[in-house]
């Protein structure tokens, strides 16, 4: 377990709960919005919530 792994996991859980990327960016202390993208990835929960018409 590394600090990076904990940060990534924390950010992922916040995303799954519907927290805005802007808030996560602020909480993690990133200045650039592009930096927060390294903490995002497709989650199983996110895929399951997609509804195809």
C-alpha atoms as a PDB file:
ATOM      1  CA  UNK A   1       0.000   0.000   0.000  1.00  0.00           C
ATOM      2  CA  UNK A   2       1.434   3.348  -1.051  1.00  0.00           C
ATOM      3  CA  UNK A   3       0.222   6.929  -0.520  1.00  0.00           C
ATOM      4  CA  UNK A   4      -0.579   7.086  -4.237  1.00  0.00           C
ATOM      5  CA  UNK A   5      -2.766   3.974  -3.955  1.00  0.00           C
ATOM      6  CA  UNK A   6      -4.652   5.457  -1.010  1.00  0.00           C
ATOM      7  CA  UNK A   7      -5.215   8.760  -2.842  1.00  0.00           C
ATOM      8  CA  UNK A   8      -6.390   6.942  -5.969  1.00  0.00           C
ATOM      9  CA  UNK A   9      -8.760   4.756  -3.960  1.00  0.00           C
ATOM     10  CA  UNK A  10     -10.112   7.765  -2.044  1.00  0.00           C
ATOM     11  CA  UNK A  11     -10.723   9.707  -5.264  1.00  0.00           C
ATOM     12  CA  UNK A  12     -12.402   6.699  -6.875  1.00  0.00           C
ATOM     13  CA  UNK A  13     -14.771   6.228  -3.936  1.00  0.00           C
ATOM     14  CA  UNK A  14     -15.684   9.914  -3.994  1.00  0.00           C
ATOM     15  CA  UNK A  15     -16.421   9.696  -7.732  1.00  0.00           C
ATOM     16  CA  UNK A  16     -18.596   6.622  -7.181  1.00  0.00           C
ATOM     17  CA  UNK A  17     -20.564   8.582  -4.588  1.00  0.00           C
ATOM     18  CA  UNK A  18     -21.194  11.314  -7.158  1.00  0.00           C
ATOM     19  CA  UNK A  19     -18.770  13.937  -5.838  1.00  0.00           C
ATOM     20  CA  UNK A  20     -17.746  16.483  -8.470  1.00  0.00           C
ATOM     21  CA  UNK A  21     -14.241  16.314  -9.926  1.00  0.00           C
ATOM     22  CA  UNK A  22     -13.792  19.959  -8.900  1.00  0.00           C
ATOM     23  CA  UNK A  23     -14.330  19.078  -5.235  1.00  0.00           C
ATOM     24  CA  UNK A  24     -11.989  16.113  -5.469  1.00  0.00           C
ATOM     25  CA  UNK A  25      -9.398  18.346  -7.128  1.00  0.00           C
ATOM     26  CA  UNK A  26      -9.672  20.790  -4.225  1.00  0.00           C
ATOM     27  CA  UNK A  27      -9.547  18.077  -1.540  1.00  0.00           C
ATOM     28  CA  UNK A  28      -6.433  16.490  -3.077  1.00  0.00           C
ATOM     29  CA  UNK A  29      -4.780  19.885  -3.522  1.00  0.00           C
ATOM     30  CA  UNK A  30      -4.280  19.781  -7.282  1.00  0.00           C
ATOM     31  CA  UNK A  31      -3.856  23.130  -9.022  1.00  0.00           C
ATOM     32  CA  UNK A  32      -4.381  21.857 -12.563  1.00  0.00           C
ATOM     33  CA  UNK A  33      -7.653  20.109 -13.443  1.00  0.00           C
ATOM     34  CA  UNK A  34      -5.743  17.788 -15.808  1.00  0.00           C
ATOM     35  CA  UNK A  35      -3.821  16.383 -12.833  1.00  0.00           C
ATOM     36  CA  UNK A  36      -6.978  14.970 -11.253  1.00  0.00           C
ATOM     37  CA  UNK A  37      -7.604  12.855 -14.340  1.00  0.00           C
ATOM     38  CA  UNK A  38      -4.902  10.402 -13.240  1.00  0.00           C
ATOM     39  CA  UNK A  39      -7.132   9.450 -10.311  1.00  0.00           C
ATOM     40  CA  UNK A  40     -10.145   8.677 -12.464  1.00  0.00           C
ATOM     41  CA  UNK A  41     -10.926   5.461 -14.245  1.00  0.00           C
ATOM     42  CA  UNK A  42     -13.964   3.472 -15.281  1.00  0.00           C
ATOM     43  CA  UNK A  43     -15.491   1.765 -12.283  1.00  0.00           C
ATOM     44  CA  UNK A  44     -17.806  -1.203 -12.192  1.00  0.00           C
ATOM     45  CA  UNK A  45     -20.390   0.899 -10.368  1.00  0.00           C
ATOM     46  CA  UNK A  46     -20.238   3.552 -13.081  1.00  0.00           C
ATOM     47  CA  UNK A  47     -20.725   1.013 -15.858  1.00  0.00           C
ATOM     48  CA  UNK A  48     -23.663  -0.639 -14.086  1.00  0.00           C
ATOM     49  CA  UNK A  49     -25.457   2.721 -13.877  1.00  0.00           C
ATOM     50  CA  UNK A  50     -25.392   3.284 -17.646  1.00  0.00           C
ATOM     51  CA  UNK A  51     -28.814   2.809 -19.171  1.00  0.00           C
ATOM     52  CA  UNK A  52     -29.046   2.025 -22.862  1.00  0.00           C
ATOM     53  CA  UNK A  53     -32.259   3.125 -24.526  1.00  0.00           C
END
